[in-house]
């Protein structure tokens, strides 16, 4: 009888362990699913980026963030309030001189018109590529540290595809942050000559 009691207790303990382990795994998987659901959309990721505390360190990373923002302008779903917050984030990457020439209200009006034009033409940015680190040119211009780099955008309009090339000039501000001073459309041939 004692042997049967020991075996019964051992079986109950083993069953309890198996059930307990199953319950643990079930709760853990449920927690992982909740975390997956809590992932931010691209718009939310852009809006929640704190450039005041975590500003991009290199000219390339500044332009990459700018490209993420403009890609979201044309490809993502968002409210007017979210658009304004994304525009404010883009403006955080811009040099004070550029901001003086583009007041916020004017910038938002022009941006909305450009986004409407993209949507009317069924135009989207499929991808963007920024110059490699070794292709960024650093120069002193009028006493300021400047960086010059290129990017191209692979754009779909309807069922056709095209590339658009842009050259960026960034200037280091008094805090040591690289800010977009200007950019211009260019051709593939001009990229190496900026």
C-alpha atoms as a PDB file:
ATOM      1  CA  UNK A   1       0.000   0.000   0.000  1.00  0.00           C
ATOM      2  CA  UNK A   2       2.824   2.397   0.835  1.00  0.00           C
ATOM      3  CA  UNK A   3       4.419   1.750  -2.524  1.00  0.00           C
ATOM      4  CA  UNK A   4       1.119   2.460  -4.308  1.00  0.00           C
ATOM      5  CA  UNK A   5       0.703   5.683  -2.274  1.00  0.00           C
ATOM      6  CA  UNK A   6       4.204   6.840  -3.216  1.00  0.00           C
ATOM      7  CA  UNK A   7       3.572   6.113  -6.887  1.00  0.00           C
ATOM      8  CA  UNK A   8       0.234   7.962  -6.720  1.00  0.00           C
ATOM      9  CA  UNK A   9       1.838  11.002  -5.091  1.00  0.00           C
ATOM     10  CA  UNK A  10       4.680  10.932  -7.649  1.00  0.00           C
ATOM     11  CA  UNK A  11       2.143  10.792 -10.508  1.00  0.00           C
ATOM     12  CA  UNK A  12       0.127  13.671  -9.018  1.00  0.00           C
ATOM     13  CA  UNK A  13       3.342  15.719  -8.642  1.00  0.00           C
ATOM     14  CA  UNK A  14       4.394  15.000 -12.233  1.00  0.00           C
ATOM     15  CA  UNK A  15       0.948  15.867 -13.594  1.00  0.00           C
ATOM     16  CA  UNK A  16       0.976  19.073 -11.528  1.00  0.00           C
ATOM     17  CA  UNK A  17       4.400  19.996 -12.943  1.00  0.00           C
ATOM     18  CA  UNK A  18       3.274  19.353 -16.525  1.00  0.00           C
ATOM     19  CA  UNK A  19       0.056  21.367 -16.049  1.00  0.00           C
ATOM     20  CA  UNK A  20       1.988  24.156 -14.298  1.00  0.00           C
ATOM     21  CA  UNK A  21       4.598  24.290 -17.068  1.00  0.00           C
ATOM     22  CA  UNK A  22       1.839  24.377 -19.711  1.00  0.00           C
ATOM     23  CA  UNK A  23       0.133  27.260 -17.881  1.00  0.00           C
ATOM     24  CA  UNK A  24       3.479  29.119 -17.671  1.00  0.00           C
ATOM     25  CA  UNK A  25       4.118  28.717 -21.412  1.00  0.00           C
ATOM     26  CA  UNK A  26       0.558  29.802 -22.244  1.00  0.00           C
ATOM     27  CA  UNK A  27       0.883  33.010 -20.212  1.00  0.00           C
ATOM     28  CA  UNK A  28       4.316  33.725 -21.656  1.00  0.00           C
ATOM     29  CA  UNK A  29       3.065  33.325 -25.243  1.00  0.00           C
ATOM     30  CA  UNK A  30       0.081  35.546 -24.477  1.00  0.00           C
ATOM     31  CA  UNK A  31       2.447  38.238 -23.147  1.00  0.00           C
ATOM     32  CA  UNK A  32       4.580  38.019 -26.313  1.00  0.00           C
ATOM     33  CA  UNK A  33       1.455  38.410 -28.476  1.00  0.00           C
ATOM     34  CA  UNK A  34       0.431  41.512 -26.514  1.00  0.00           C
ATOM     35  CA  UNK A  35       3.916  42.974 -27.043  1.00  0.00           C
ATOM     36  CA  UNK A  36       3.709  42.239 -30.791  1.00  0.00           C
ATOM     37  CA  UNK A  37       0.329  44.012 -30.958  1.00  0.00           C
ATOM     38  CA  UNK A  38       1.836  46.997 -29.156  1.00  0.00           C
ATOM     39  CA  UNK A  39       4.415  47.622 -31.906  1.00  0.00           C
ATOM     40  CA  UNK A  40       4.344  51.171 -33.186  1.00  0.00           C
ATOM     41  CA  UNK A  41       3.298  52.047 -36.704  1.00  0.00           C
ATOM     42  CA  UNK A  42       5.848  53.936 -38.778  1.00  0.00           C
ATOM     43  CA  UNK A  43       3.961  57.185 -38.162  1.00  0.00           C
ATOM     44  CA  UNK A  44       3.912  56.559 -34.401  1.00  0.00           C
ATOM     45  CA  UNK A  45       7.624  55.641 -34.436  1.00  0.00           C
ATOM     46  CA  UNK A  46       8.448  58.908 -36.202  1.00  0.00           C
ATOM     47  CA  UNK A  47       6.277  60.998 -33.898  1.00  0.00           C
ATOM     48  CA  UNK A  48       7.644  59.354 -30.761  1.00  0.00           C
ATOM     49  CA  UNK A  49      11.321  59.825 -31.718  1.00  0.00           C
ATOM     50  CA  UNK A  50      12.857  62.315 -29.285  1.00  0.00           C
ATOM     51  CA  UNK A  51      15.384  64.267 -31.344  1.00  0.00           C
ATOM     52  CA  UNK A  52      16.091  66.544 -28.374  1.00  0.00           C
ATOM     53  CA  UNK A  53      17.591  63.649 -26.402  1.00  0.00           C
ATOM     54  CA  UNK A  54      18.623  61.262 -29.193  1.00  0.00           C
ATOM     55  CA  UNK A  55      19.634  63.302 -32.236  1.00  0.00           C
ATOM     56  CA  UNK A  56      21.157  61.387 -35.167  1.00  0.00           C
ATOM     57  CA  UNK A  57      24.957  61.487 -34.896  1.00  0.00           C
ATOM     58  CA  UNK A  58      26.016  61.618 -38.548  1.00  0.00           C
ATOM     59  CA  UNK A  59      24.916  63.462 -41.681  1.00  0.00           C
ATOM     60  CA  UNK A  60      23.861  60.122 -43.195  1.00  0.00           C
ATOM     61  CA  UNK A  61      21.659  59.251 -40.224  1.00  0.00           C
ATOM     62  CA  UNK A  62      20.010  62.695 -40.357  1.00  0.00           C
ATOM     63  CA  UNK A  63      19.138  62.202 -44.035  1.00  0.00           C
ATOM     64  CA  UNK A  64      17.971  58.639 -43.361  1.00  0.00           C
ATOM     65  CA  UNK A  65      15.551  59.947 -40.713  1.00  0.00           C
ATOM     66  CA  UNK A  66      14.398  62.673 -43.086  1.00  0.00           C
ATOM     67  CA  UNK A  67      13.803  60.028 -45.760  1.00  0.00           C
ATOM     68  CA  UNK A  68      11.775  57.915 -43.323  1.00  0.00           C
ATOM     69  CA  UNK A  69       9.596  60.919 -42.585  1.00  0.00           C
ATOM     70  CA  UNK A  70       8.964  61.907 -46.199  1.00  0.00           C
ATOM     71  CA  UNK A  71       8.292  58.292 -47.156  1.00  0.00           C
ATOM     72  CA  UNK A  72       5.666  58.153 -44.410  1.00  0.00           C
ATOM     73  CA  UNK A  73       4.117  61.397 -45.729  1.00  0.00           C
ATOM     74  CA  UNK A  74       3.308  59.715 -49.028  1.00  0.00           C
ATOM     75  CA  UNK A  75       2.757  56.069 -48.080  1.00  0.00           C
ATOM     76  CA  UNK A  76       1.154  55.893 -44.630  1.00  0.00           C
ATOM     77  CA  UNK A  77      -2.306  56.575 -43.234  1.00  0.00           C
ATOM     78  CA  UNK A  78      -2.475  59.334 -40.621  1.00  0.00           C
ATOM     79  CA  UNK A  79      -4.593  62.166 -39.270  1.00  0.00           C
ATOM     80  CA  UNK A  80      -3.969  65.865 -39.856  1.00  0.00           C
ATOM     81  CA  UNK A  81      -2.596  66.108 -36.319  1.00  0.00           C
ATOM     82  CA  UNK A  82      -0.164  63.268 -36.980  1.00  0.00           C
ATOM     83  CA  UNK A  83       0.928  64.932 -40.234  1.00  0.00           C
ATOM     84  CA  UNK A  84       1.702  68.124 -38.333  1.00  0.00           C
ATOM     85  CA  UNK A  85       3.695  66.187 -35.731  1.00  0.00           C
ATOM     86  CA  UNK A  86       5.680  64.410 -38.462  1.00  0.00           C
ATOM     87  CA  UNK A  87       6.321  67.769 -40.142  1.00  0.00           C
ATOM     88  CA  UNK A  88       7.585  69.133 -36.833  1.00  0.00           C
ATOM     89  CA  UNK A  89       9.930  66.152 -36.591  1.00  0.00           C
ATOM     90  CA  UNK A  90      11.235  66.843 -40.106  1.00  0.00           C
ATOM     91  CA  UNK A  91      11.770  70.488 -39.156  1.00  0.00           C
ATOM     92  CA  UNK A  92      13.851  69.358 -36.144  1.00  0.00           C
ATOM     93  CA  UNK A  93      16.346  68.009 -38.704  1.00  0.00           C
ATOM     94  CA  UNK A  94      16.569  71.330 -40.555  1.00  0.00           C
ATOM     95  CA  UNK A  95      19.035  74.167 -40.077  1.00  0.00           C
ATOM     96  CA  UNK A  96      17.748  77.392 -38.504  1.00  0.00           C
ATOM     97  CA  UNK A  97      18.475  79.290 -41.720  1.00  0.00           C
ATOM     98  CA  UNK A  98      16.312  76.895 -43.730  1.00  0.00           C
ATOM     99  CA  UNK A  99      13.559  77.185 -41.128  1.00  0.00           C
ATOM    100  CA  UNK A 100      13.604  80.988 -41.431  1.00  0.00           C
ATOM    101  CA  UNK A 101      12.856  80.692 -45.143  1.00  0.00           C
ATOM    102  CA  UNK A 102      10.132  78.110 -44.498  1.00  0.00           C
ATOM    103  CA  UNK A 103       7.854  79.159 -41.628  1.00  0.00           C
ATOM    104  CA  UNK A 104       5.854  76.279 -40.156  1.00  0.00           C
ATOM    105  CA  UNK A 105       2.472  77.354 -41.567  1.00  0.00           C
ATOM    106  CA  UNK A 106       3.878  77.836 -45.067  1.00  0.00           C
ATOM    107  CA  UNK A 107       5.729  74.542 -44.835  1.00  0.00           C
ATOM    108  CA  UNK A 108       2.539  72.687 -43.828  1.00  0.00           C
ATOM    109  CA  UNK A 109       0.515  74.212 -46.686  1.00  0.00           C
ATOM    110  CA  UNK A 110       3.175  73.347 -49.266  1.00  0.00           C
ATOM    111  CA  UNK A 111       3.606  69.881 -47.789  1.00  0.00           C
ATOM    112  CA  UNK A 112      -0.139  69.175 -47.941  1.00  0.00           C
ATOM    113  CA  UNK A 113      -0.238  70.274 -51.591  1.00  0.00           C
ATOM    114  CA  UNK A 114       2.716  68.033 -52.436  1.00  0.00           C
ATOM    115  CA  UNK A 115       1.158  65.048 -50.641  1.00  0.00           C
ATOM    116  CA  UNK A 116      -2.132  65.618 -52.509  1.00  0.00           C
ATOM    117  CA  UNK A 117      -0.182  65.736 -55.783  1.00  0.00           C
ATOM    118  CA  UNK A 118       1.555  62.439 -54.950  1.00  0.00           C
ATOM    119  CA  UNK A 119      -1.763  60.785 -54.135  1.00  0.00           C
ATOM    120  CA  UNK A 120      -3.480  62.177 -57.254  1.00  0.00           C
ATOM    121  CA  UNK A 121      -0.690  60.778 -59.408  1.00  0.00           C
ATOM    122  CA  UNK A 122      -0.629  57.424 -57.533  1.00  0.00           C
ATOM    123  CA  UNK A 123       2.986  58.160 -56.721  1.00  0.00           C
ATOM    124  CA  UNK A 124       4.874  56.542 -53.834  1.00  0.00           C
ATOM    125  CA  UNK A 125       8.473  56.286 -52.666  1.00  0.00           C
ATOM    126  CA  UNK A 126       9.351  52.612 -52.883  1.00  0.00           C
ATOM    127  CA  UNK A 127      12.809  53.010 -51.328  1.00  0.00           C
ATOM    128  CA  UNK A 128      15.547  55.518 -50.686  1.00  0.00           C
ATOM    129  CA  UNK A 129      19.296  55.066 -50.610  1.00  0.00           C
ATOM    130  CA  UNK A 130      21.769  57.449 -48.981  1.00  0.00           C
ATOM    131  CA  UNK A 131      25.425  57.793 -49.960  1.00  0.00           C
ATOM    132  CA  UNK A 132      27.848  55.463 -48.223  1.00  0.00           C
ATOM    133  CA  UNK A 133      29.827  56.902 -45.315  1.00  0.00           C
ATOM    134  CA  UNK A 134      32.995  57.100 -47.401  1.00  0.00           C
ATOM    135  CA  UNK A 135      31.135  59.130 -50.064  1.00  0.00           C
ATOM    136  CA  UNK A 136      30.126  61.932 -47.677  1.00  0.00           C
ATOM    137  CA  UNK A 137      32.243  65.023 -48.363  1.00  0.00           C
ATOM    138  CA  UNK A 138      33.144  67.268 -45.439  1.00  0.00           C
ATOM    139  CA  UNK A 139      34.172  70.884 -46.125  1.00  0.00           C
ATOM    140  CA  UNK A 140      34.487  74.209 -44.343  1.00  0.00           C
ATOM    141  CA  UNK A 141      32.161  76.759 -45.953  1.00  0.00           C
ATOM    142  CA  UNK A 142      32.196  80.338 -44.634  1.00  0.00           C
ATOM    143  CA  UNK A 143      33.611  79.062 -41.345  1.00  0.00           C
ATOM    144  CA  UNK A 144      30.957  76.353 -40.900  1.00  0.00           C
ATOM    145  CA  UNK A 145      31.471  72.600 -40.962  1.00  0.00           C
ATOM    146  CA  UNK A 146      29.374  71.258 -43.820  1.00  0.00           C
ATOM    147  CA  UNK A 147      28.698  67.793 -45.165  1.00  0.00           C
ATOM    148  CA  UNK A 148      27.574  66.977 -48.692  1.00  0.00           C
ATOM    149  CA  UNK A 149      25.889  63.737 -49.632  1.00  0.00           C
ATOM    150  CA  UNK A 150      23.508  62.312 -52.165  1.00  0.00           C
ATOM    151  CA  UNK A 151      20.450  60.147 -52.039  1.00  0.00           C
ATOM    152  CA  UNK A 152      18.191  58.595 -54.579  1.00  0.00           C
ATOM    153  CA  UNK A 153      14.575  57.674 -54.342  1.00  0.00           C
ATOM    154  CA  UNK A 154      13.067  54.771 -56.248  1.00  0.00           C
ATOM    155  CA  UNK A 155       9.581  56.035 -57.072  1.00  0.00           C
ATOM    156  CA  UNK A 156       6.534  54.258 -58.448  1.00  0.00           C
ATOM    157  CA  UNK A 157       3.990  56.321 -60.331  1.00  0.00           C
ATOM    158  CA  UNK A 158       1.043  54.212 -61.398  1.00  0.00           C
ATOM    159  CA  UNK A 159       2.692  51.164 -62.943  1.00  0.00           C
ATOM    160  CA  UNK A 160       5.985  52.823 -63.954  1.00  0.00           C
ATOM    161  CA  UNK A 161       9.132  53.264 -61.918  1.00  0.00           C
ATOM    162  CA  UNK A 162      11.726  56.020 -61.874  1.00  0.00           C
ATOM    163  CA  UNK A 163      14.644  57.282 -59.792  1.00  0.00           C
ATOM    164  CA  UNK A 164      14.935  60.769 -58.399  1.00  0.00           C
ATOM    165  CA  UNK A 165      18.321  61.994 -57.220  1.00  0.00           C
ATOM    166  CA  UNK A 166      18.898  64.693 -54.600  1.00  0.00           C
ATOM    167  CA  UNK A 167      22.042  66.288 -53.202  1.00  0.00           C
ATOM    168  CA  UNK A 168      21.956  67.404 -49.560  1.00  0.00           C
ATOM    169  CA  UNK A 169      24.076  69.948 -47.746  1.00  0.00           C
ATOM    170  CA  UNK A 170      24.105  69.704 -43.959  1.00  0.00           C
ATOM    171  CA  UNK A 171      25.672  72.181 -41.572  1.00  0.00           C
ATOM    172  CA  UNK A 172      26.833  71.509 -38.032  1.00  0.00           C
ATOM    173  CA  UNK A 173      25.017  73.752 -35.531  1.00  0.00           C
ATOM    174  CA  UNK A 174      26.328  75.220 -32.276  1.00  0.00           C
ATOM    175  CA  UNK A 175      25.319  72.027 -30.415  1.00  0.00           C
ATOM    176  CA  UNK A 176      27.352  69.855 -32.802  1.00  0.00           C
ATOM    177  CA  UNK A 177      24.262  68.462 -34.559  1.00  0.00           C
ATOM    178  CA  UNK A 178      24.162  68.066 -38.317  1.00  0.00           C
ATOM    179  CA  UNK A 179      21.163  69.929 -39.743  1.00  0.00           C
ATOM    180  CA  UNK A 180      19.834  69.966 -43.298  1.00  0.00           C
ATOM    181  CA  UNK A 181      20.704  73.342 -44.793  1.00  0.00           C
ATOM    182  CA  UNK A 182      19.567  72.712 -48.346  1.00  0.00           C
ATOM    183  CA  UNK A 183      18.945  70.068 -50.969  1.00  0.00           C
ATOM    184  CA  UNK A 184      18.470  70.083 -54.691  1.00  0.00           C
ATOM    185  CA  UNK A 185      17.351  67.734 -57.409  1.00  0.00           C
ATOM    186  CA  UNK A 186      20.230  66.353 -59.431  1.00  0.00           C
ATOM    187  CA  UNK A 187      20.925  63.769 -62.059  1.00  0.00           C
ATOM    188  CA  UNK A 188      22.825  60.517 -61.650  1.00  0.00           C
ATOM    189  CA  UNK A 189      25.799  62.112 -63.441  1.00  0.00           C
ATOM    190  CA  UNK A 190      25.931  65.024 -60.977  1.00  0.00           C
ATOM    191  CA  UNK A 191      26.002  62.899 -57.812  1.00  0.00           C
ATOM    192  CA  UNK A 192      29.777  62.462 -57.728  1.00  0.00           C
ATOM    193  CA  UNK A 193      30.370  66.137 -58.437  1.00  0.00           C
ATOM    194  CA  UNK A 194      28.576  67.681 -55.451  1.00  0.00           C
END
